């Protein structure tokens, strides 16, 4: 579950670069970092998986987007809830579990995903997936550790291929009479 714009206190902690956070990059105080990834989904393989398996991999219901532990789309998953045989209802290797702040030292991202379709590849398979973006206060603490865990343990990795990624510094807003990146260029 990602941050929402109305959560201003959390946005302040997890998105905006705070004063003194990096003395070598004081020009970025009040700005953010943008992480972007183009992620191809093996759609044909995914579509052959039973819906229950897809839901287990993601950790959410396909119909409502609610956690498998119950509730609505924006409710927190209950990772302690177990089913038959004491097995967690939300698989510990599901996407939602591995990416959740509870399993990432409380780190949160202001993130959005945008579907893309680039037609077919040279083998006639659908070239489609997700263009993922996230704004974070520091990619070293707020993105890279989580992404490393996802790449090692996420059940969804069987269906994904990362096409490209990048990290950009996004300077703070512009004061009246100023210009973008002013603190960088005047330092």
N, C-alpha and C. Protein backbone atom coordinates (compact mmCIF):
# COMPACT_ATOMS: atom_id res chain seq x y z
N UNK A 1 0.85 -1.17 0.00
CA UNK A 1 0.00 0.00 0.00
C UNK A 1 0.90 1.23 0.00
N UNK A 2 0.68 2.10 -0.93
CA UNK A 2 1.50 3.30 -1.04
C UNK A 2 0.87 4.48 -0.32
N UNK A 3 1.63 5.50 -0.19
CA UNK A 3 1.14 6.74 0.40
C UNK A 3 0.07 7.37 -0.48
N UNK A 4 -0.77 8.15 0.16
CA UNK A 4 -1.76 8.94 -0.57
C UNK A 4 -1.47 10.40 -0.30
N UNK A 5 -1.80 11.26 -1.26
CA UNK A 5 -1.48 12.67 -1.19
C UNK A 5 -1.98 13.38 0.05
N UNK A 6 -3.11 12.93 0.60
CA UNK A 6 -3.66 13.59 1.78
C UNK A 6 -2.93 13.24 3.08
N UNK A 7 -2.00 12.31 3.03
CA UNK A 7 -1.23 11.91 4.21
C UNK A 7 0.02 12.80 4.33
N UNK A 8 -0.20 14.08 4.55
CA UNK A 8 0.88 15.07 4.48
C UNK A 8 2.01 14.81 5.46
N UNK A 9 1.69 14.32 6.67
CA UNK A 9 2.76 14.04 7.64
C UNK A 9 3.68 12.92 7.14
N UNK A 10 3.09 11.86 6.56
CA UNK A 10 3.90 10.76 6.02
C UNK A 10 4.65 11.18 4.76
N UNK A 11 4.01 12.01 3.92
CA UNK A 11 4.66 12.52 2.71
C UNK A 11 5.92 13.30 3.13
N UNK A 12 5.78 14.11 4.16
CA UNK A 12 6.92 14.88 4.64
C UNK A 12 8.09 14.00 5.07
N UNK A 13 7.80 12.87 5.70
CA UNK A 13 8.86 11.96 6.18
C UNK A 13 9.43 11.06 5.09
N UNK A 14 8.60 10.65 4.14
CA UNK A 14 9.03 9.62 3.20
C UNK A 14 9.28 10.10 1.77
N UNK A 15 8.90 11.34 1.46
CA UNK A 15 9.03 11.83 0.08
C UNK A 15 10.02 12.99 -0.03
N UNK A 16 9.86 14.01 0.81
CA UNK A 16 10.69 15.22 0.69
C UNK A 16 12.03 15.05 1.38
N UNK A 17 13.10 15.49 0.73
CA UNK A 17 14.44 15.47 1.31
C UNK A 17 14.48 16.52 2.41
N UNK A 18 14.82 16.08 3.61
CA UNK A 18 14.81 16.95 4.78
C UNK A 18 16.12 17.74 4.92
N UNK A 19 16.06 18.92 5.52
CA UNK A 19 17.28 19.70 5.76
C UNK A 19 18.32 18.89 6.53
N UNK A 20 19.55 18.93 6.07
CA UNK A 20 20.65 18.21 6.71
C UNK A 20 20.73 16.73 6.38
N UNK A 21 19.82 16.22 5.59
CA UNK A 21 19.81 14.78 5.28
C UNK A 21 21.07 14.35 4.55
N UNK A 22 21.57 15.18 3.67
CA UNK A 22 22.78 14.87 2.91
C UNK A 22 23.53 16.18 2.67
N UNK A 23 24.52 16.49 3.52
CA UNK A 23 25.24 17.76 3.37
C UNK A 23 25.85 17.96 1.99
N UNK A 24 26.17 16.87 1.30
CA UNK A 24 26.74 16.99 -0.06
C UNK A 24 25.68 17.34 -1.09
N UNK A 25 24.42 17.22 -0.71
CA UNK A 25 23.33 17.53 -1.64
C UNK A 25 22.32 18.47 -0.99
N UNK A 26 22.81 19.48 -0.31
CA UNK A 26 21.93 20.45 0.35
C UNK A 26 21.00 21.13 -0.65
N UNK A 27 21.44 21.23 -1.89
CA UNK A 27 20.62 21.85 -2.94
C UNK A 27 19.31 21.11 -3.19
N UNK A 28 19.22 19.84 -2.74
CA UNK A 28 18.03 19.03 -2.97
C UNK A 28 17.04 19.09 -1.80
N UNK A 29 17.38 19.78 -0.72
CA UNK A 29 16.47 19.89 0.42
C UNK A 29 15.13 20.45 -0.04
N UNK A 30 14.06 19.78 0.32
CA UNK A 30 12.72 20.17 -0.10
C UNK A 30 12.32 19.55 -1.43
N UNK A 31 13.27 18.89 -2.08
CA UNK A 31 12.99 18.16 -3.32
C UNK A 31 12.74 16.70 -3.02
N UNK A 32 12.94 15.85 -4.00
CA UNK A 32 12.68 14.43 -3.84
C UNK A 32 13.53 13.65 -4.85
N UNK A 33 13.46 12.36 -4.77
CA UNK A 33 14.05 11.48 -5.78
C UNK A 33 12.92 10.75 -6.48
N UNK A 34 13.05 10.62 -7.78
CA UNK A 34 12.08 9.88 -8.58
C UNK A 34 12.73 8.58 -9.03
N UNK A 35 12.09 7.47 -8.71
CA UNK A 35 12.50 6.15 -9.18
C UNK A 35 11.51 5.74 -10.25
N UNK A 36 11.99 5.32 -11.40
CA UNK A 36 11.10 4.87 -12.48
C UNK A 36 11.59 3.53 -13.00
N UNK A 37 10.65 2.64 -13.26
CA UNK A 37 10.98 1.32 -13.80
C UNK A 37 9.94 0.92 -14.84
N UNK A 38 10.42 0.37 -15.93
CA UNK A 38 9.53 -0.23 -16.92
C UNK A 38 9.61 -1.74 -16.69
N UNK A 39 8.46 -2.32 -16.38
CA UNK A 39 8.40 -3.72 -15.99
C UNK A 39 7.48 -4.46 -16.96
N UNK A 40 8.06 -5.37 -17.71
CA UNK A 40 7.26 -6.17 -18.65
C UNK A 40 6.66 -7.35 -17.90
N UNK A 41 5.40 -7.60 -18.17
CA UNK A 41 4.69 -8.72 -17.56
C UNK A 41 4.54 -9.82 -18.60
N UNK A 42 4.82 -11.03 -18.22
CA UNK A 42 4.62 -12.17 -19.11
C UNK A 42 3.12 -12.50 -19.09
N UNK A 43 2.36 -11.70 -19.80
CA UNK A 43 0.89 -11.73 -19.75
C UNK A 43 0.33 -13.11 -20.09
N UNK A 44 0.83 -13.71 -21.15
CA UNK A 44 0.27 -15.01 -21.56
C UNK A 44 0.46 -16.07 -20.46
N UNK A 45 1.62 -16.08 -19.83
CA UNK A 45 1.88 -17.05 -18.76
C UNK A 45 1.01 -16.72 -17.55
N UNK A 46 0.93 -15.44 -17.19
CA UNK A 46 0.11 -15.00 -16.06
C UNK A 46 -1.35 -15.38 -16.26
N UNK A 47 -1.86 -15.15 -17.46
CA UNK A 47 -3.28 -15.43 -17.74
C UNK A 47 -3.62 -16.91 -17.64
N UNK A 48 -2.63 -17.79 -17.80
CA UNK A 48 -2.88 -19.23 -17.69
C UNK A 48 -2.94 -19.69 -16.23
N UNK A 49 -2.43 -18.89 -15.31
CA UNK A 49 -2.46 -19.26 -13.89
C UNK A 49 -3.88 -19.10 -13.35
N UNK A 50 -4.32 -20.04 -12.51
CA UNK A 50 -5.66 -19.92 -11.92
C UNK A 50 -5.79 -18.62 -11.11
N UNK A 51 -6.99 -18.07 -11.04
CA UNK A 51 -7.20 -16.82 -10.33
C UNK A 51 -6.74 -16.90 -8.87
N UNK A 52 -7.00 -17.99 -8.20
CA UNK A 52 -6.59 -18.14 -6.79
C UNK A 52 -5.07 -18.05 -6.67
N UNK A 53 -4.36 -18.63 -7.60
CA UNK A 53 -2.89 -18.55 -7.59
C UNK A 53 -2.44 -17.11 -7.82
N UNK A 54 -3.07 -16.42 -8.76
CA UNK A 54 -2.75 -15.01 -9.00
C UNK A 54 -2.96 -14.18 -7.74
N UNK A 55 -4.09 -14.41 -7.07
CA UNK A 55 -4.37 -13.67 -5.83
C UNK A 55 -3.34 -13.98 -4.75
N UNK A 56 -2.93 -15.22 -4.63
CA UNK A 56 -1.92 -15.60 -3.65
C UNK A 56 -0.59 -14.92 -3.95
N UNK A 57 -0.23 -14.85 -5.21
CA UNK A 57 1.03 -14.22 -5.63
C UNK A 57 1.03 -12.73 -5.28
N UNK A 58 -0.09 -12.07 -5.55
CA UNK A 58 -0.19 -10.63 -5.28
C UNK A 58 -0.46 -10.38 -3.80
N UNK A 59 -1.28 -11.22 -3.16
CA UNK A 59 -1.65 -11.02 -1.76
C UNK A 59 -2.94 -10.23 -1.61
N UNK A 60 -3.64 -10.03 -2.71
CA UNK A 60 -4.90 -9.27 -2.74
C UNK A 60 -5.91 -9.99 -3.63
N UNK A 61 -7.20 -9.68 -3.39
CA UNK A 61 -8.23 -10.23 -4.25
C UNK A 61 -8.19 -9.52 -5.59
N UNK A 62 -8.47 -10.24 -6.62
CA UNK A 62 -8.44 -9.66 -7.96
C UNK A 62 -9.64 -8.76 -8.20
N UNK A 63 -10.76 -9.10 -7.62
CA UNK A 63 -11.99 -8.35 -7.86
C UNK A 63 -11.99 -6.98 -7.18
N UNK A 64 -11.64 -6.93 -5.91
CA UNK A 64 -11.74 -5.69 -5.13
C UNK A 64 -10.38 -5.05 -4.82
N UNK A 65 -9.32 -5.83 -4.91
CA UNK A 65 -8.00 -5.31 -4.52
C UNK A 65 -7.78 -5.34 -3.03
N UNK A 66 -8.67 -5.99 -2.30
CA UNK A 66 -8.57 -6.08 -0.84
C UNK A 66 -7.51 -7.10 -0.44
N UNK A 67 -6.87 -6.91 0.71
CA UNK A 67 -5.93 -7.93 1.19
C UNK A 67 -6.65 -9.27 1.36
N UNK A 68 -5.94 -10.35 1.14
CA UNK A 68 -6.54 -11.68 1.30
C UNK A 68 -6.99 -11.93 2.73
N UNK A 69 -6.45 -11.16 3.68
CA UNK A 69 -6.85 -11.30 5.08
C UNK A 69 -8.20 -10.65 5.37
N UNK A 70 -8.76 -9.95 4.37
CA UNK A 70 -10.08 -9.36 4.53
C UNK A 70 -10.05 -7.84 4.53
N UNK A 71 -11.25 -7.28 4.44
CA UNK A 71 -11.40 -5.83 4.45
C UNK A 71 -11.57 -5.28 3.05
N UNK A 72 -11.25 -3.99 2.91
CA UNK A 72 -11.38 -3.31 1.63
C UNK A 72 -10.02 -3.01 1.02
N UNK A 73 -10.05 -2.37 -0.13
CA UNK A 73 -8.83 -2.10 -0.89
C UNK A 73 -7.78 -1.35 -0.09
N UNK A 74 -8.20 -0.40 0.73
CA UNK A 74 -7.23 0.44 1.45
C UNK A 74 -6.98 -0.03 2.88
N UNK A 75 -7.54 -1.18 3.26
CA UNK A 75 -7.30 -1.72 4.60
C UNK A 75 -5.94 -2.40 4.67
N UNK A 76 -5.36 -2.36 5.86
CA UNK A 76 -4.06 -2.98 6.08
C UNK A 76 -4.20 -4.51 6.09
N UNK A 77 -3.27 -5.21 5.44
CA UNK A 77 -3.29 -6.67 5.51
C UNK A 77 -2.98 -7.13 6.94
N UNK A 78 -3.57 -8.23 7.34
CA UNK A 78 -3.27 -8.84 8.63
C UNK A 78 -2.33 -10.01 8.35
N UNK A 79 -1.04 -9.76 8.51
CA UNK A 79 -0.03 -10.77 8.18
C UNK A 79 0.02 -11.90 9.21
N UNK A 80 -0.58 -11.68 10.39
CA UNK A 80 -0.59 -12.71 11.43
C UNK A 80 -1.75 -13.69 11.27
N UNK A 81 -2.76 -13.34 10.48
CA UNK A 81 -3.93 -14.20 10.30
C UNK A 81 -3.52 -15.48 9.56
N UNK A 82 -3.90 -16.61 10.15
CA UNK A 82 -3.58 -17.90 9.53
C UNK A 82 -4.85 -18.64 9.16
N UNK A 83 -4.69 -19.54 8.20
CA UNK A 83 -5.79 -20.39 7.76
C UNK A 83 -5.52 -21.82 8.16
N UNK A 84 -6.00 -22.73 7.33
CA UNK A 84 -5.80 -24.17 7.59
C UNK A 84 -4.33 -24.50 7.77
N UNK A 85 -4.08 -25.33 8.76
CA UNK A 85 -2.71 -25.78 9.00
C UNK A 85 -1.79 -24.68 9.51
N UNK A 86 -2.36 -23.56 9.96
CA UNK A 86 -1.53 -22.48 10.48
C UNK A 86 -0.76 -21.71 9.42
N UNK A 87 -1.16 -21.87 8.16
CA UNK A 87 -0.48 -21.18 7.05
C UNK A 87 -1.03 -19.76 6.96
N UNK A 88 -0.13 -18.77 6.84
CA UNK A 88 -0.61 -17.38 6.74
C UNK A 88 -1.56 -17.20 5.54
N UNK A 89 -2.64 -16.45 5.76
CA UNK A 89 -3.62 -16.18 4.70
C UNK A 89 -2.96 -15.34 3.60
N UNK A 90 -2.13 -14.39 4.01
CA UNK A 90 -1.35 -13.60 3.05
C UNK A 90 0.04 -14.22 3.02
N UNK A 91 0.37 -14.85 1.92
CA UNK A 91 1.66 -15.55 1.77
C UNK A 91 2.82 -14.60 2.08
N UNK A 92 3.78 -15.08 2.85
CA UNK A 92 4.94 -14.24 3.21
C UNK A 92 5.77 -13.85 1.99
N UNK A 93 5.64 -14.60 0.89
CA UNK A 93 6.38 -14.28 -0.34
C UNK A 93 5.50 -13.56 -1.36
N UNK A 94 4.29 -13.14 -0.94
CA UNK A 94 3.43 -12.40 -1.86
C UNK A 94 4.00 -11.00 -2.06
N UNK A 95 3.60 -10.40 -3.16
CA UNK A 95 4.08 -9.05 -3.48
C UNK A 95 3.70 -8.06 -2.39
N UNK A 96 2.45 -8.10 -1.94
CA UNK A 96 2.00 -7.15 -0.93
C UNK A 96 2.75 -7.33 0.39
N UNK A 97 3.09 -8.55 0.75
CA UNK A 97 3.80 -8.79 1.99
C UNK A 97 5.23 -8.27 1.92
N UNK A 98 5.94 -8.61 0.87
CA UNK A 98 7.35 -8.20 0.77
C UNK A 98 7.49 -6.70 0.63
N UNK A 99 6.58 -6.05 -0.08
CA UNK A 99 6.68 -4.61 -0.31
C UNK A 99 6.06 -3.77 0.81
N UNK A 100 5.38 -4.39 1.74
CA UNK A 100 4.66 -3.65 2.78
C UNK A 100 5.62 -2.95 3.75
N UNK A 101 5.25 -1.75 4.23
CA UNK A 101 6.09 -1.04 5.20
C UNK A 101 6.42 -1.84 6.45
N UNK A 102 5.51 -2.72 6.89
CA UNK A 102 5.77 -3.55 8.07
C UNK A 102 7.00 -4.43 7.88
N UNK A 103 7.34 -4.74 6.64
CA UNK A 103 8.48 -5.61 6.36
C UNK A 103 9.64 -4.85 5.75
N UNK A 104 9.58 -3.51 5.84
CA UNK A 104 10.63 -2.66 5.27
C UNK A 104 10.96 -1.50 6.20
N UNK A 105 11.06 -1.79 7.49
CA UNK A 105 11.43 -0.79 8.49
C UNK A 105 10.53 0.44 8.45
N UNK A 106 9.26 0.26 8.08
CA UNK A 106 8.31 1.37 8.06
C UNK A 106 8.40 2.27 6.84
N UNK A 107 9.31 1.96 5.93
CA UNK A 107 9.51 2.79 4.74
C UNK A 107 8.26 2.76 3.86
N UNK A 108 7.89 3.94 3.35
CA UNK A 108 6.75 4.05 2.44
C UNK A 108 7.16 4.85 1.21
N UNK A 109 6.46 4.63 0.13
CA UNK A 109 6.73 5.30 -1.14
C UNK A 109 5.47 6.03 -1.60
N UNK A 110 5.66 7.16 -2.27
CA UNK A 110 4.56 7.77 -3.01
C UNK A 110 4.69 7.19 -4.40
N UNK A 111 3.86 6.21 -4.72
CA UNK A 111 4.06 5.43 -5.93
C UNK A 111 2.81 5.38 -6.78
N UNK A 112 3.03 5.18 -8.05
CA UNK A 112 1.94 4.98 -9.00
C UNK A 112 2.42 4.03 -10.08
N UNK A 113 1.50 3.25 -10.59
CA UNK A 113 1.80 2.37 -11.70
C UNK A 113 0.90 2.71 -12.87
N UNK A 114 1.47 2.69 -14.05
CA UNK A 114 0.72 2.98 -15.27
C UNK A 114 0.90 1.82 -16.23
N UNK A 115 -0.20 1.23 -16.66
CA UNK A 115 -0.12 0.14 -17.62
C UNK A 115 0.38 0.66 -18.96
N UNK A 116 1.13 -0.17 -19.66
CA UNK A 116 1.56 0.18 -21.02
C UNK A 116 1.40 -1.03 -21.92
N UNK A 117 1.23 -0.78 -23.19
CA UNK A 117 1.21 -1.82 -24.22
C UNK A 117 2.05 -1.31 -25.37
N UNK A 118 3.09 -2.05 -25.72
CA UNK A 118 3.98 -1.69 -26.83
C UNK A 118 3.77 -2.60 -28.03
N UNK A 119 2.57 -3.15 -28.19
CA UNK A 119 2.32 -4.05 -29.31
C UNK A 119 2.81 -5.45 -29.00
N UNK A 120 3.37 -6.10 -30.01
CA UNK A 120 3.89 -7.47 -29.86
C UNK A 120 5.39 -7.47 -30.06
N UNK A 121 6.04 -8.44 -29.42
CA UNK A 121 7.49 -8.57 -29.62
C UNK A 121 7.77 -9.38 -30.88
N UNK A 122 9.03 -9.68 -31.13
CA UNK A 122 9.42 -10.40 -32.35
C UNK A 122 8.90 -11.84 -32.40
N UNK A 123 8.44 -12.37 -31.26
CA UNK A 123 7.86 -13.71 -31.23
C UNK A 123 6.34 -13.68 -31.25
N UNK A 124 5.76 -12.49 -31.34
CA UNK A 124 4.32 -12.36 -31.38
C UNK A 124 3.65 -12.29 -30.02
N UNK A 125 4.45 -12.26 -28.95
CA UNK A 125 3.89 -12.16 -27.60
C UNK A 125 3.59 -10.70 -27.29
N UNK A 126 2.60 -10.49 -26.45
CA UNK A 126 2.23 -9.14 -26.06
C UNK A 126 3.36 -8.49 -25.28
N UNK A 127 3.77 -7.33 -25.70
CA UNK A 127 4.78 -6.55 -24.99
C UNK A 127 4.04 -5.50 -24.18
N UNK A 128 3.76 -5.85 -22.92
CA UNK A 128 2.95 -5.00 -22.06
C UNK A 128 3.38 -5.17 -20.62
N UNK A 129 2.99 -4.23 -19.80
CA UNK A 129 3.32 -4.34 -18.39
C UNK A 129 2.99 -3.07 -17.65
N UNK A 130 3.91 -2.69 -16.77
CA UNK A 130 3.68 -1.57 -15.87
C UNK A 130 4.86 -0.61 -15.95
N UNK A 131 4.53 0.67 -16.07
CA UNK A 131 5.54 1.71 -15.90
C UNK A 131 5.34 2.22 -14.48
N UNK A 132 6.32 1.95 -13.62
CA UNK A 132 6.23 2.21 -12.19
C UNK A 132 7.04 3.45 -11.86
N UNK A 133 6.44 4.37 -11.09
CA UNK A 133 7.20 5.52 -10.60
C UNK A 133 6.97 5.64 -9.10
N UNK A 134 7.98 6.14 -8.41
CA UNK A 134 7.87 6.39 -6.97
C UNK A 134 8.73 7.59 -6.62
N UNK A 135 8.22 8.40 -5.71
CA UNK A 135 8.98 9.51 -5.15
C UNK A 135 9.37 9.13 -3.74
N UNK A 136 10.67 9.31 -3.42
CA UNK A 136 11.19 8.92 -2.12
C UNK A 136 12.19 9.96 -1.62
N UNK A 137 12.34 10.01 -0.31
CA UNK A 137 13.28 10.94 0.30
C UNK A 137 14.73 10.53 0.07
N UNK A 138 14.98 9.23 -0.05
CA UNK A 138 16.34 8.72 -0.28
C UNK A 138 16.23 7.31 -0.84
N UNK A 139 16.63 7.10 -2.09
CA UNK A 139 16.50 5.76 -2.68
C UNK A 139 17.32 4.69 -1.95
N UNK A 140 18.39 5.10 -1.28
CA UNK A 140 19.24 4.14 -0.57
C UNK A 140 18.52 3.52 0.62
N UNK A 141 17.58 4.25 1.21
CA UNK A 141 16.84 3.73 2.37
C UNK A 141 15.39 3.42 2.04
N UNK A 142 14.82 4.10 1.05
CA UNK A 142 13.39 4.02 0.80
C UNK A 142 13.02 3.25 -0.47
N UNK A 143 13.99 2.76 -1.20
CA UNK A 143 13.62 1.98 -2.39
C UNK A 143 14.53 0.77 -2.60
N UNK A 144 15.80 0.97 -2.65
CA UNK A 144 16.74 -0.10 -3.02
C UNK A 144 16.64 -1.33 -2.10
N UNK A 145 16.59 -1.17 -0.76
CA UNK A 145 16.48 -2.38 0.07
C UNK A 145 15.20 -3.18 -0.21
N UNK A 146 14.07 -2.46 -0.38
CA UNK A 146 12.81 -3.14 -0.67
C UNK A 146 12.88 -3.84 -2.03
N UNK A 147 13.40 -3.15 -3.04
CA UNK A 147 13.49 -3.74 -4.37
C UNK A 147 14.41 -4.96 -4.37
N UNK A 148 15.46 -4.92 -3.58
CA UNK A 148 16.36 -6.09 -3.47
C UNK A 148 15.62 -7.29 -2.90
N UNK A 149 14.80 -7.06 -1.87
CA UNK A 149 14.01 -8.16 -1.29
C UNK A 149 12.99 -8.67 -2.30
N UNK A 150 12.33 -7.75 -3.01
CA UNK A 150 11.37 -8.19 -4.03
C UNK A 150 12.05 -9.05 -5.08
N UNK A 151 13.22 -8.64 -5.55
CA UNK A 151 13.89 -9.38 -6.62
C UNK A 151 14.32 -10.78 -6.18
N UNK A 152 14.56 -10.96 -4.88
CA UNK A 152 14.98 -12.27 -4.37
C UNK A 152 13.81 -13.17 -4.00
N UNK A 153 12.72 -12.59 -3.47
CA UNK A 153 11.71 -13.41 -2.81
C UNK A 153 10.28 -13.29 -3.32
N UNK A 154 9.98 -12.30 -4.14
CA UNK A 154 8.61 -12.04 -4.58
C UNK A 154 8.12 -13.14 -5.52
N UNK A 155 6.99 -13.76 -5.17
CA UNK A 155 6.40 -14.79 -6.04
C UNK A 155 6.10 -14.26 -7.44
N UNK A 156 5.88 -12.96 -7.54
CA UNK A 156 5.54 -12.37 -8.84
C UNK A 156 6.72 -12.32 -9.80
N UNK A 157 7.93 -12.43 -9.31
CA UNK A 157 9.11 -12.31 -10.17
C UNK A 157 9.12 -13.32 -11.32
N UNK A 158 8.44 -14.43 -11.14
CA UNK A 158 8.34 -15.44 -12.21
C UNK A 158 7.67 -14.87 -13.46
N UNK A 159 6.87 -13.82 -13.28
CA UNK A 159 6.08 -13.28 -14.38
C UNK A 159 6.59 -11.92 -14.87
N UNK A 160 7.68 -11.43 -14.30
CA UNK A 160 8.15 -10.08 -14.60
C UNK A 160 9.53 -10.07 -15.24
N UNK A 161 9.75 -9.04 -16.04
CA UNK A 161 11.08 -8.77 -16.60
C UNK A 161 11.26 -7.26 -16.54
N UNK A 162 12.28 -6.84 -15.82
CA UNK A 162 12.53 -5.41 -15.72
C UNK A 162 13.30 -4.96 -16.97
N UNK A 163 12.70 -4.02 -17.69
CA UNK A 163 13.23 -3.55 -18.97
C UNK A 163 14.22 -2.41 -18.78
N UNK A 164 13.92 -1.52 -17.87
CA UNK A 164 14.80 -0.38 -17.63
C UNK A 164 14.41 0.32 -16.35
N UNK A 165 15.37 1.03 -15.78
CA UNK A 165 15.08 1.78 -14.57
C UNK A 165 16.03 2.96 -14.45
N UNK A 166 15.65 3.89 -13.63
CA UNK A 166 16.49 5.05 -13.39
C UNK A 166 16.06 5.76 -12.13
N UNK A 167 16.98 6.56 -11.61
CA UNK A 167 16.71 7.38 -10.44
C UNK A 167 17.12 8.80 -10.79
N UNK A 168 16.21 9.75 -10.52
CA UNK A 168 16.47 11.15 -10.82
C UNK A 168 16.28 12.00 -9.58
N UNK A 169 17.12 13.02 -9.43
CA UNK A 169 16.93 14.02 -8.39
C UNK A 169 15.92 15.03 -8.91
N UNK A 170 14.92 15.34 -8.10
CA UNK A 170 13.88 16.30 -8.47
C UNK A 170 14.05 17.50 -7.53
N UNK A 171 14.55 18.61 -8.05
CA UNK A 171 14.79 19.78 -7.19
C UNK A 171 13.49 20.29 -6.55
N UNK A 172 13.63 21.05 -5.46
CA UNK A 172 12.44 21.61 -4.81
C UNK A 172 11.75 22.62 -5.71
N UNK A 173 10.56 23.02 -5.27
CA UNK A 173 9.78 23.99 -6.02
C UNK A 173 10.52 25.31 -6.18
N UNK A 174 9.99 26.15 -7.03
CA UNK A 174 10.63 27.41 -7.38
C UNK A 174 9.95 28.56 -6.63
N UNK A 175 10.76 29.39 -5.98
CA UNK A 175 10.23 30.59 -5.33
C UNK A 175 10.00 31.67 -6.39
N UNK A 176 9.12 32.59 -6.08
CA UNK A 176 8.84 33.69 -7.01
C UNK A 176 10.15 34.38 -7.38
N UNK A 177 10.39 34.54 -8.67
CA UNK A 177 11.61 35.18 -9.16
C UNK A 177 12.79 34.23 -9.27
N UNK A 178 12.62 32.95 -8.85
CA UNK A 178 13.71 31.97 -8.91
C UNK A 178 13.59 31.10 -10.14
N UNK A 179 14.39 30.02 -10.17
CA UNK A 179 14.34 29.09 -11.29
C UNK A 179 14.61 27.68 -10.79
N UNK A 180 14.20 26.69 -11.56
CA UNK A 180 14.36 25.29 -11.20
C UNK A 180 15.85 24.97 -11.04
N UNK A 181 16.19 24.35 -9.91
CA UNK A 181 17.57 23.97 -9.64
C UNK A 181 18.44 25.13 -9.19
N UNK A 182 17.85 26.22 -8.80
CA UNK A 182 18.60 27.43 -8.41
C UNK A 182 19.64 27.12 -7.33
N UNK A 183 19.25 26.38 -6.29
CA UNK A 183 20.17 26.06 -5.20
C UNK A 183 21.38 25.27 -5.71
N UNK A 184 21.19 24.42 -6.69
CA UNK A 184 22.29 23.64 -7.27
C UNK A 184 23.23 24.54 -8.05
N UNK A 185 22.67 25.40 -8.88
CA UNK A 185 23.49 26.21 -9.78
C UNK A 185 24.15 27.40 -9.10
N UNK A 186 23.64 27.79 -7.93
CA UNK A 186 24.25 28.91 -7.21
C UNK A 186 25.18 28.45 -6.11
N UNK A 187 25.25 27.14 -5.87
CA UNK A 187 26.11 26.60 -4.81
C UNK A 187 27.58 26.69 -5.18
